[in-house]
Amino acid sequence: MGPAEEKTFLDLFTAVDASQKPAVVVMQEIGGHSDWAAHSGEIMATTFRRLGAVGLVSDSGVRDLPEVRALGFHYFARGAVASHASFRIVRSNVPVQILGLVVQPGDLLHGDENGLVSVPEVDQDELKAAVDAIRKREGELMEFIRSPEFTVEKLRARFFE
């Protein structure tokens, strides 16, 4: 790695270090091989973790899954690949696009096996209250569906109460 490439890696690490914590690193593949490229492995994940990041979102691959899982670091990526190949960091702290989702620096993200969304700026207490209300409502519904009292008619009555 030459000095110019080292500088762009350091720019990325500096941006992560300066980010609000916990941070999530978001990287977009701009090369032509997003199915084969890897944005992170054990070394990058360990570095990000040490700088206060809890995960990485990428439209490319990742690697070293057992080692990264042991760190408690989270990946949301296209999949696992065997090799990191030869990659470089072009720019840091700029908007990127992950499979159609535009992510701005500082965005609040939620991702799991089902996908990735950007959470609109809202009062954090209101957001927590909304999440708690949905979890409560869905929990009660699932409890009913699993119960011996469940019938379609009783379900219909719940929907039209």
N, C-alpha and C. Protein backbone atom coordinates (compact mmCIF):
# COMPACT_ATOMS: atom_id res chain seq x y z
N MET A 1 0.85 -1.17 0.00
CA MET A 1 0.00 0.00 0.00
C MET A 1 0.90 1.23 0.00
N GLY A 2 0.59 2.15 -0.90
CA GLY A 2 1.37 3.38 -0.97
C GLY A 2 0.82 4.45 -0.06
N PRO A 3 1.53 5.58 0.06
CA PRO A 3 1.10 6.67 0.95
C PRO A 3 -0.29 7.20 0.64
N ALA A 4 -0.66 7.32 -0.64
CA ALA A 4 -1.99 7.83 -1.00
C ALA A 4 -3.07 6.87 -0.51
N GLU A 5 -2.85 5.56 -0.67
CA GLU A 5 -3.83 4.57 -0.21
C GLU A 5 -3.89 4.54 1.31
N GLU A 6 -2.74 4.64 1.96
CA GLU A 6 -2.73 4.67 3.42
C GLU A 6 -3.50 5.88 3.95
N LYS A 7 -3.38 7.02 3.27
CA LYS A 7 -4.10 8.22 3.70
C LYS A 7 -5.60 8.01 3.62
N THR A 8 -6.10 7.39 2.57
CA THR A 8 -7.55 7.21 2.47
C THR A 8 -8.07 6.22 3.52
N PHE A 9 -7.27 5.21 3.85
CA PHE A 9 -7.66 4.32 4.95
C PHE A 9 -7.69 5.11 6.26
N LEU A 10 -6.68 5.93 6.51
CA LEU A 10 -6.65 6.74 7.73
C LEU A 10 -7.79 7.74 7.76
N ASP A 11 -8.16 8.30 6.59
CA ASP A 11 -9.32 9.19 6.53
C ASP A 11 -10.58 8.46 6.98
N LEU A 12 -10.75 7.21 6.52
CA LEU A 12 -11.90 6.41 6.93
C LEU A 12 -11.86 6.17 8.44
N PHE A 13 -10.73 5.74 8.96
CA PHE A 13 -10.63 5.45 10.39
C PHE A 13 -10.85 6.71 11.23
N THR A 14 -10.38 7.85 10.75
CA THR A 14 -10.59 9.13 11.44
C THR A 14 -12.07 9.48 11.46
N ALA A 15 -12.76 9.26 10.35
CA ALA A 15 -14.20 9.54 10.29
C ALA A 15 -14.98 8.65 11.26
N VAL A 16 -14.60 7.38 11.34
CA VAL A 16 -15.27 6.47 12.28
C VAL A 16 -15.00 6.93 13.71
N ASP A 17 -13.76 7.28 13.99
CA ASP A 17 -13.39 7.72 15.33
C ASP A 17 -14.17 8.96 15.75
N ALA A 18 -14.43 9.87 14.80
CA ALA A 18 -15.13 11.13 15.09
C ALA A 18 -16.65 10.98 15.08
N SER A 19 -17.16 9.84 14.66
CA SER A 19 -18.61 9.63 14.54
C SER A 19 -19.27 9.48 15.89
N GLN A 20 -20.57 9.79 15.91
CA GLN A 20 -21.38 9.54 17.09
C GLN A 20 -21.38 8.04 17.36
N LYS A 21 -21.35 7.65 18.62
CA LYS A 21 -21.26 6.24 18.99
C LYS A 21 -22.60 5.75 19.53
N PRO A 22 -22.95 4.51 19.32
CA PRO A 22 -22.20 3.54 18.52
C PRO A 22 -22.32 3.88 17.04
N ALA A 23 -21.25 3.66 16.32
CA ALA A 23 -21.20 3.98 14.89
C ALA A 23 -21.42 2.72 14.06
N VAL A 24 -21.91 2.93 12.85
CA VAL A 24 -22.02 1.88 11.85
C VAL A 24 -21.29 2.38 10.61
N VAL A 25 -20.37 1.60 10.10
CA VAL A 25 -19.61 1.95 8.91
C VAL A 25 -20.41 1.49 7.69
N VAL A 26 -20.59 2.37 6.71
CA VAL A 26 -21.33 2.04 5.50
C VAL A 26 -20.39 2.22 4.32
N MET A 27 -20.22 1.16 3.53
CA MET A 27 -19.29 1.20 2.40
C MET A 27 -19.98 0.74 1.12
N GLN A 28 -19.81 1.53 0.06
CA GLN A 28 -20.37 1.20 -1.25
C GLN A 28 -19.25 0.75 -2.17
N GLU A 29 -19.47 -0.35 -2.86
CA GLU A 29 -18.52 -0.85 -3.86
C GLU A 29 -18.73 -0.08 -5.16
N ILE A 30 -17.68 0.57 -5.65
CA ILE A 30 -17.81 1.30 -6.91
C ILE A 30 -17.07 0.61 -8.05
N GLY A 31 -16.44 -0.51 -7.75
CA GLY A 31 -15.80 -1.30 -8.79
C GLY A 31 -16.83 -2.17 -9.49
N GLY A 32 -16.37 -2.94 -10.43
CA GLY A 32 -17.28 -3.74 -11.23
C GLY A 32 -17.55 -5.13 -10.71
N HIS A 33 -17.09 -5.47 -9.52
CA HIS A 33 -17.21 -6.85 -9.05
C HIS A 33 -17.75 -6.93 -7.62
N SER A 34 -18.91 -6.34 -7.39
CA SER A 34 -19.43 -6.32 -6.02
C SER A 34 -19.76 -7.72 -5.49
N ASP A 35 -19.97 -8.69 -6.38
CA ASP A 35 -20.21 -10.06 -5.92
C ASP A 35 -18.94 -10.71 -5.38
N TRP A 36 -17.79 -10.25 -5.78
CA TRP A 36 -16.53 -10.88 -5.40
C TRP A 36 -15.72 -10.05 -4.43
N ALA A 37 -15.92 -8.74 -4.43
CA ALA A 37 -15.12 -7.86 -3.59
C ALA A 37 -15.51 -8.02 -2.13
N ALA A 38 -14.59 -7.70 -1.24
CA ALA A 38 -14.87 -7.73 0.20
C ALA A 38 -14.45 -6.41 0.82
N HIS A 39 -15.32 -5.84 1.62
CA HIS A 39 -15.01 -4.58 2.28
C HIS A 39 -14.46 -4.74 3.68
N SER A 40 -14.58 -5.93 4.24
CA SER A 40 -14.11 -6.07 5.62
C SER A 40 -13.82 -7.52 5.94
N GLY A 41 -12.83 -7.68 6.76
CA GLY A 41 -12.49 -8.96 7.35
C GLY A 41 -12.12 -8.70 8.80
N GLU A 42 -11.42 -9.63 9.39
CA GLU A 42 -11.10 -9.53 10.81
C GLU A 42 -10.31 -8.27 11.16
N ILE A 43 -9.34 -7.90 10.34
CA ILE A 43 -8.51 -6.73 10.67
C ILE A 43 -9.32 -5.45 10.60
N MET A 44 -10.09 -5.26 9.52
CA MET A 44 -10.91 -4.05 9.40
C MET A 44 -11.96 -4.02 10.50
N ALA A 45 -12.63 -5.15 10.75
CA ALA A 45 -13.67 -5.19 11.78
C ALA A 45 -13.08 -4.89 13.16
N THR A 46 -11.92 -5.41 13.45
CA THR A 46 -11.28 -5.15 14.74
C THR A 46 -10.93 -3.67 14.87
N THR A 47 -10.41 -3.10 13.79
CA THR A 47 -10.08 -1.67 13.79
C THR A 47 -11.34 -0.84 14.00
N PHE A 48 -12.40 -1.14 13.24
CA PHE A 48 -13.66 -0.41 13.40
C PHE A 48 -14.19 -0.54 14.82
N ARG A 49 -14.13 -1.74 15.37
CA ARG A 49 -14.62 -2.01 16.73
C ARG A 49 -13.85 -1.17 17.74
N ARG A 50 -12.54 -1.11 17.59
CA ARG A 50 -11.70 -0.33 18.50
C ARG A 50 -12.02 1.16 18.42
N LEU A 51 -12.55 1.61 17.27
CA LEU A 51 -12.89 3.02 17.07
C LEU A 51 -14.34 3.33 17.44
N GLY A 52 -15.06 2.33 17.97
CA GLY A 52 -16.42 2.58 18.45
C GLY A 52 -17.53 2.17 17.51
N ALA A 53 -17.20 1.47 16.43
CA ALA A 53 -18.25 0.99 15.52
C ALA A 53 -18.75 -0.37 16.00
N VAL A 54 -20.03 -0.62 15.76
CA VAL A 54 -20.63 -1.90 16.14
C VAL A 54 -20.94 -2.76 14.93
N GLY A 55 -20.84 -2.18 13.73
CA GLY A 55 -21.14 -2.97 12.55
C GLY A 55 -20.75 -2.28 11.27
N LEU A 56 -20.89 -3.04 10.18
CA LEU A 56 -20.57 -2.57 8.84
C LEU A 56 -21.71 -2.93 7.91
N VAL A 57 -22.14 -1.98 7.10
CA VAL A 57 -23.13 -2.19 6.05
C VAL A 57 -22.39 -2.06 4.73
N SER A 58 -22.59 -3.03 3.84
CA SER A 58 -21.88 -3.01 2.56
C SER A 58 -22.76 -3.63 1.48
N ASP A 59 -22.62 -3.13 0.27
CA ASP A 59 -23.30 -3.76 -0.86
C ASP A 59 -22.37 -4.78 -1.52
N SER A 60 -21.28 -5.08 -0.86
CA SER A 60 -20.29 -6.03 -1.35
C SER A 60 -20.17 -7.17 -0.36
N GLY A 61 -19.12 -7.94 -0.50
CA GLY A 61 -18.91 -9.07 0.39
C GLY A 61 -18.13 -8.71 1.63
N VAL A 62 -18.09 -9.66 2.55
CA VAL A 62 -17.30 -9.57 3.77
C VAL A 62 -16.64 -10.92 3.98
N ARG A 63 -15.74 -11.01 4.91
CA ARG A 63 -15.04 -12.27 5.15
C ARG A 63 -14.72 -12.44 6.63
N ASP A 64 -14.11 -13.58 6.95
CA ASP A 64 -13.70 -13.89 8.32
C ASP A 64 -14.90 -13.90 9.27
N LEU A 65 -16.00 -14.50 8.85
CA LEU A 65 -17.24 -14.47 9.63
C LEU A 65 -17.08 -14.99 11.06
N PRO A 66 -16.45 -16.15 11.30
CA PRO A 66 -16.34 -16.61 12.70
C PRO A 66 -15.55 -15.64 13.58
N GLU A 67 -14.46 -15.12 13.06
CA GLU A 67 -13.63 -14.20 13.84
C GLU A 67 -14.39 -12.89 14.13
N VAL A 68 -15.08 -12.39 13.14
CA VAL A 68 -15.82 -11.14 13.30
C VAL A 68 -17.00 -11.33 14.25
N ARG A 69 -17.67 -12.46 14.13
CA ARG A 69 -18.78 -12.77 15.05
C ARG A 69 -18.26 -12.82 16.49
N ALA A 70 -17.09 -13.40 16.70
CA ALA A 70 -16.50 -13.48 18.04
C ALA A 70 -16.19 -12.10 18.62
N LEU A 71 -15.95 -11.13 17.75
CA LEU A 71 -15.72 -9.75 18.21
C LEU A 71 -17.01 -9.08 18.68
N GLY A 72 -18.15 -9.65 18.30
CA GLY A 72 -19.42 -8.99 18.56
C GLY A 72 -19.71 -7.90 17.55
N PHE A 73 -19.01 -7.94 16.41
CA PHE A 73 -19.19 -6.96 15.35
C PHE A 73 -20.24 -7.50 14.38
N HIS A 74 -21.07 -6.63 13.84
CA HIS A 74 -22.17 -7.05 12.97
C HIS A 74 -21.90 -6.68 11.52
N TYR A 75 -22.29 -7.58 10.64
CA TYR A 75 -22.20 -7.33 9.20
C TYR A 75 -23.61 -7.31 8.61
N PHE A 76 -23.86 -6.40 7.69
CA PHE A 76 -25.01 -6.44 6.81
C PHE A 76 -24.42 -6.27 5.42
N ALA A 77 -24.33 -7.37 4.67
CA ALA A 77 -23.60 -7.34 3.41
C ALA A 77 -24.21 -8.30 2.40
N ARG A 78 -23.70 -8.24 1.19
CA ARG A 78 -24.16 -9.09 0.10
C ARG A 78 -23.94 -10.57 0.39
N GLY A 79 -22.88 -10.89 1.10
CA GLY A 79 -22.56 -12.28 1.42
C GLY A 79 -21.10 -12.40 1.80
N ALA A 80 -20.69 -13.63 2.01
CA ALA A 80 -19.31 -13.91 2.37
C ALA A 80 -18.50 -14.25 1.13
N VAL A 81 -17.25 -13.82 1.13
CA VAL A 81 -16.33 -14.14 0.04
C VAL A 81 -15.04 -14.68 0.65
N ALA A 82 -14.28 -15.39 -0.16
CA ALA A 82 -13.08 -16.07 0.33
C ALA A 82 -11.88 -15.15 0.46
N SER A 83 -11.81 -14.09 -0.33
CA SER A 83 -10.61 -13.27 -0.34
C SER A 83 -10.99 -11.80 -0.43
N HIS A 84 -10.18 -10.95 0.16
CA HIS A 84 -10.46 -9.52 0.09
C HIS A 84 -10.05 -8.91 -1.24
N ALA A 85 -9.26 -9.61 -2.02
CA ALA A 85 -8.76 -9.11 -3.30
C ALA A 85 -7.91 -7.86 -3.05
N SER A 86 -7.93 -6.94 -3.96
CA SER A 86 -7.14 -5.72 -3.82
C SER A 86 -8.10 -4.55 -3.87
N PHE A 87 -8.39 -3.96 -2.72
CA PHE A 87 -9.34 -2.85 -2.73
C PHE A 87 -8.70 -1.62 -2.13
N ARG A 88 -9.35 -0.50 -2.40
CA ARG A 88 -8.86 0.75 -1.85
C ARG A 88 -10.05 1.61 -1.44
N ILE A 89 -9.82 2.49 -0.54
CA ILE A 89 -10.82 3.45 -0.10
C ILE A 89 -10.66 4.68 -0.99
N VAL A 90 -11.77 5.17 -1.54
CA VAL A 90 -11.71 6.33 -2.43
C VAL A 90 -12.04 7.61 -1.66
N ARG A 91 -13.17 7.61 -0.95
CA ARG A 91 -13.60 8.78 -0.18
C ARG A 91 -14.28 8.30 1.10
N SER A 92 -14.26 9.16 2.10
CA SER A 92 -14.92 8.85 3.37
C SER A 92 -15.88 9.97 3.74
N ASN A 93 -16.87 9.61 4.54
CA ASN A 93 -17.81 10.58 5.09
C ASN A 93 -18.60 11.30 4.01
N VAL A 94 -19.04 10.53 3.00
CA VAL A 94 -19.85 11.05 1.90
C VAL A 94 -21.10 10.17 1.76
N PRO A 95 -22.17 10.68 1.14
CA PRO A 95 -23.34 9.83 0.91
C PRO A 95 -22.98 8.65 0.01
N VAL A 96 -23.59 7.50 0.29
CA VAL A 96 -23.39 6.31 -0.55
C VAL A 96 -24.75 5.69 -0.82
N GLN A 97 -24.76 4.76 -1.77
CA GLN A 97 -25.99 4.05 -2.10
C GLN A 97 -25.75 2.56 -1.89
N ILE A 98 -26.61 1.96 -1.06
CA ILE A 98 -26.52 0.53 -0.78
C ILE A 98 -27.77 -0.12 -1.34
N LEU A 99 -27.63 -0.76 -2.49
CA LEU A 99 -28.73 -1.47 -3.13
C LEU A 99 -29.98 -0.59 -3.23
N GLY A 100 -29.80 0.66 -3.64
CA GLY A 100 -30.91 1.58 -3.84
C GLY A 100 -31.20 2.50 -2.67
N LEU A 101 -30.70 2.19 -1.48
CA LEU A 101 -30.93 3.03 -0.31
C LEU A 101 -29.79 4.05 -0.21
N VAL A 102 -30.13 5.32 -0.27
CA VAL A 102 -29.12 6.37 -0.12
C VAL A 102 -28.90 6.58 1.38
N VAL A 103 -27.65 6.48 1.80
CA VAL A 103 -27.28 6.64 3.20
C VAL A 103 -26.38 7.86 3.32
N GLN A 104 -26.80 8.79 4.17
CA GLN A 104 -26.03 10.00 4.44
C GLN A 104 -25.19 9.77 5.70
N PRO A 105 -24.02 10.39 5.79
CA PRO A 105 -23.28 10.30 7.05
C PRO A 105 -24.16 10.75 8.21
N GLY A 106 -24.19 9.98 9.27
CA GLY A 106 -24.99 10.32 10.44
C GLY A 106 -26.38 9.72 10.46
N ASP A 107 -26.82 9.09 9.37
CA ASP A 107 -28.15 8.47 9.34
C ASP A 107 -28.25 7.36 10.39
N LEU A 108 -29.44 7.21 10.95
CA LEU A 108 -29.74 6.10 11.85
C LEU A 108 -30.26 4.96 11.00
N LEU A 109 -29.62 3.78 11.09
CA LEU A 109 -29.99 2.64 10.27
C LEU A 109 -30.51 1.51 11.14
N HIS A 110 -31.43 0.73 10.56
CA HIS A 110 -31.86 -0.51 11.19
C HIS A 110 -31.76 -1.59 10.12
N GLY A 111 -31.05 -2.66 10.44
CA GLY A 111 -30.91 -3.75 9.49
C GLY A 111 -30.94 -5.09 10.18
N ASP A 112 -31.49 -6.06 9.50
CA ASP A 112 -31.48 -7.44 9.97
C ASP A 112 -31.61 -8.34 8.76
N GLU A 113 -31.97 -9.62 8.97
CA GLU A 113 -32.07 -10.56 7.86
C GLU A 113 -33.08 -10.12 6.81
N ASN A 114 -34.00 -9.25 7.21
CA ASN A 114 -35.08 -8.85 6.32
C ASN A 114 -34.73 -7.67 5.42
N GLY A 115 -33.69 -6.94 5.77
CA GLY A 115 -33.32 -5.79 4.96
C GLY A 115 -32.74 -4.67 5.79
N LEU A 116 -32.61 -3.53 5.16
CA LEU A 116 -31.99 -2.36 5.77
C LEU A 116 -32.87 -1.15 5.49
N VAL A 117 -33.12 -0.34 6.51
CA VAL A 117 -33.88 0.89 6.34
C VAL A 117 -33.15 2.02 7.05
N SER A 118 -33.39 3.21 6.56
CA SER A 118 -32.91 4.41 7.22
C SER A 118 -34.07 4.95 8.04
N VAL A 119 -33.82 5.20 9.32
CA VAL A 119 -34.86 5.65 10.23
C VAL A 119 -34.91 7.18 10.16
N PRO A 120 -36.09 7.74 9.88
CA PRO A 120 -36.19 9.21 9.79
C PRO A 120 -35.82 9.86 11.12
N GLU A 121 -35.40 11.11 11.05
CA GLU A 121 -35.06 11.84 12.27
C GLU A 121 -36.35 12.09 13.05
N VAL A 122 -36.41 11.51 14.23
CA VAL A 122 -37.55 11.71 15.12
C VAL A 122 -37.02 11.77 16.54
N ASP A 123 -37.86 12.23 17.44
CA ASP A 123 -37.50 12.24 18.84
C ASP A 123 -37.26 10.80 19.29
N GLN A 124 -36.12 10.54 19.92
CA GLN A 124 -35.75 9.17 20.31
C GLN A 124 -36.73 8.55 21.30
N ASP A 125 -37.29 9.36 22.20
CA ASP A 125 -38.28 8.83 23.14
C ASP A 125 -39.56 8.43 22.41
N GLU A 126 -39.97 9.23 21.41
CA GLU A 126 -41.15 8.89 20.62
C GLU A 126 -40.90 7.62 19.81
N LEU A 127 -39.70 7.49 19.26
CA LEU A 127 -39.36 6.29 18.51
C LEU A 127 -39.41 5.06 19.40
N LYS A 128 -38.83 5.14 20.59
CA LYS A 128 -38.85 4.02 21.51
C LYS A 128 -40.28 3.66 21.90
N ALA A 129 -41.11 4.67 22.16
CA ALA A 129 -42.51 4.41 22.53
C ALA A 129 -43.26 3.73 21.38
N ALA A 130 -42.99 4.15 20.14
CA ALA A 130 -43.65 3.53 18.98
C ALA A 130 -43.20 2.07 18.82
N VAL A 131 -41.92 1.82 18.97
CA VAL A 131 -41.40 0.45 18.87
C VAL A 131 -41.99 -0.42 19.97
N ASP A 132 -42.02 0.10 21.19
CA ASP A 132 -42.59 -0.66 22.32
C ASP A 132 -44.06 -0.99 22.08
N ALA A 133 -44.82 -0.02 21.54
CA ALA A 133 -46.25 -0.24 21.28
C ALA A 133 -46.45 -1.33 20.23
N ILE A 134 -45.63 -1.31 19.17
CA ILE A 134 -45.74 -2.34 18.13
C ILE A 134 -45.38 -3.70 18.68
N ARG A 135 -44.30 -3.77 19.45
CA ARG A 135 -43.90 -5.06 20.04
C ARG A 135 -44.98 -5.60 20.98
N LYS A 136 -45.60 -4.72 21.74
CA LYS A 136 -46.66 -5.15 22.67
C LYS A 136 -47.85 -5.68 21.88
N ARG A 137 -48.30 -4.91 20.88
CA ARG A 137 -49.46 -5.31 20.07
C ARG A 137 -49.19 -6.63 19.36
N GLU A 138 -48.03 -6.76 18.73
CA GLU A 138 -47.70 -7.99 18.02
C GLU A 138 -47.51 -9.16 18.99
N GLY A 139 -46.94 -8.90 20.16
CA GLY A 139 -46.77 -9.95 21.16
C GLY A 139 -48.11 -10.49 21.63
N GLU A 140 -49.05 -9.59 21.88
CA GLU A 140 -50.39 -10.02 22.30
C GLU A 140 -51.08 -10.80 21.20
N LEU A 141 -50.93 -10.36 19.96
CA LEU A 141 -51.54 -11.06 18.83
C LEU A 141 -50.95 -12.46 18.68
N MET A 142 -49.63 -12.57 18.77
CA MET A 142 -48.99 -13.89 18.64
C MET A 142 -49.40 -14.81 19.80
N GLU A 143 -49.52 -14.24 20.99
CA GLU A 143 -49.97 -15.05 22.13
C GLU A 143 -51.36 -15.60 21.87
N PHE A 144 -52.26 -14.76 21.33
CA PHE A 144 -53.61 -15.21 21.00
C PHE A 144 -53.59 -16.29 19.91
N ILE A 145 -52.82 -16.05 18.84
CA ILE A 145 -52.78 -17.00 17.72
C ILE A 145 -52.28 -18.36 18.18
N ARG A 146 -51.36 -18.38 19.11
CA ARG A 146 -50.80 -19.64 19.61
C ARG A 146 -51.68 -20.31 20.69
N SER A 147 -52.66 -19.58 21.16
CA SER A 147 -53.48 -20.09 22.27
C SER A 147 -54.55 -21.07 21.78
N PRO A 148 -55.11 -21.87 22.69
CA PRO A 148 -56.19 -22.79 22.33
C PRO A 148 -57.48 -22.05 21.97
N GLU A 149 -57.61 -20.77 22.34
CA GLU A 149 -58.81 -19.99 22.04
C GLU A 149 -58.85 -19.49 20.60
N PHE A 150 -57.76 -19.66 19.87
CA PHE A 150 -57.67 -19.12 18.51
C PHE A 150 -58.67 -19.76 17.56
N THR A 151 -59.43 -18.92 16.87
CA THR A 151 -60.26 -19.32 15.72
C THR A 151 -60.23 -18.15 14.75
N VAL A 152 -60.62 -18.41 13.53
CA VAL A 152 -60.67 -17.35 12.53
C VAL A 152 -61.71 -16.30 12.94
N GLU A 153 -62.84 -16.75 13.47
CA GLU A 153 -63.88 -15.81 13.90
C GLU A 153 -63.39 -14.90 15.02
N LYS A 154 -62.67 -15.45 15.98
CA LYS A 154 -62.14 -14.62 17.06
C LYS A 154 -61.04 -13.69 16.54
N LEU A 155 -60.29 -14.15 15.56
CA LEU A 155 -59.29 -13.29 14.94
C LEU A 155 -59.97 -12.14 14.21
N ARG A 156 -61.03 -12.45 13.48
CA ARG A 156 -61.79 -11.42 12.77
C ARG A 156 -62.32 -10.39 13.77
N ALA A 157 -62.83 -10.87 14.90
CA ALA A 157 -63.35 -9.95 15.92
C ALA A 157 -62.25 -9.02 16.45
N ARG A 158 -61.05 -9.56 16.60
CA ARG A 158 -59.92 -8.70 17.05
C ARG A 158 -59.61 -7.63 16.04
N PHE A 159 -59.70 -7.99 14.74
CA PHE A 159 -59.38 -7.01 13.69
C PHE A 159 -60.41 -5.92 13.60
N PHE A 160 -61.66 -6.21 13.94
CA PHE A 160 -62.73 -5.24 13.76
C PHE A 160 -63.30 -4.74 15.08
N GLU A 161 -62.52 -4.81 16.15
CA GLU A 161 -62.96 -4.31 17.45
C GLU A 161 -63.06 -2.81 17.43
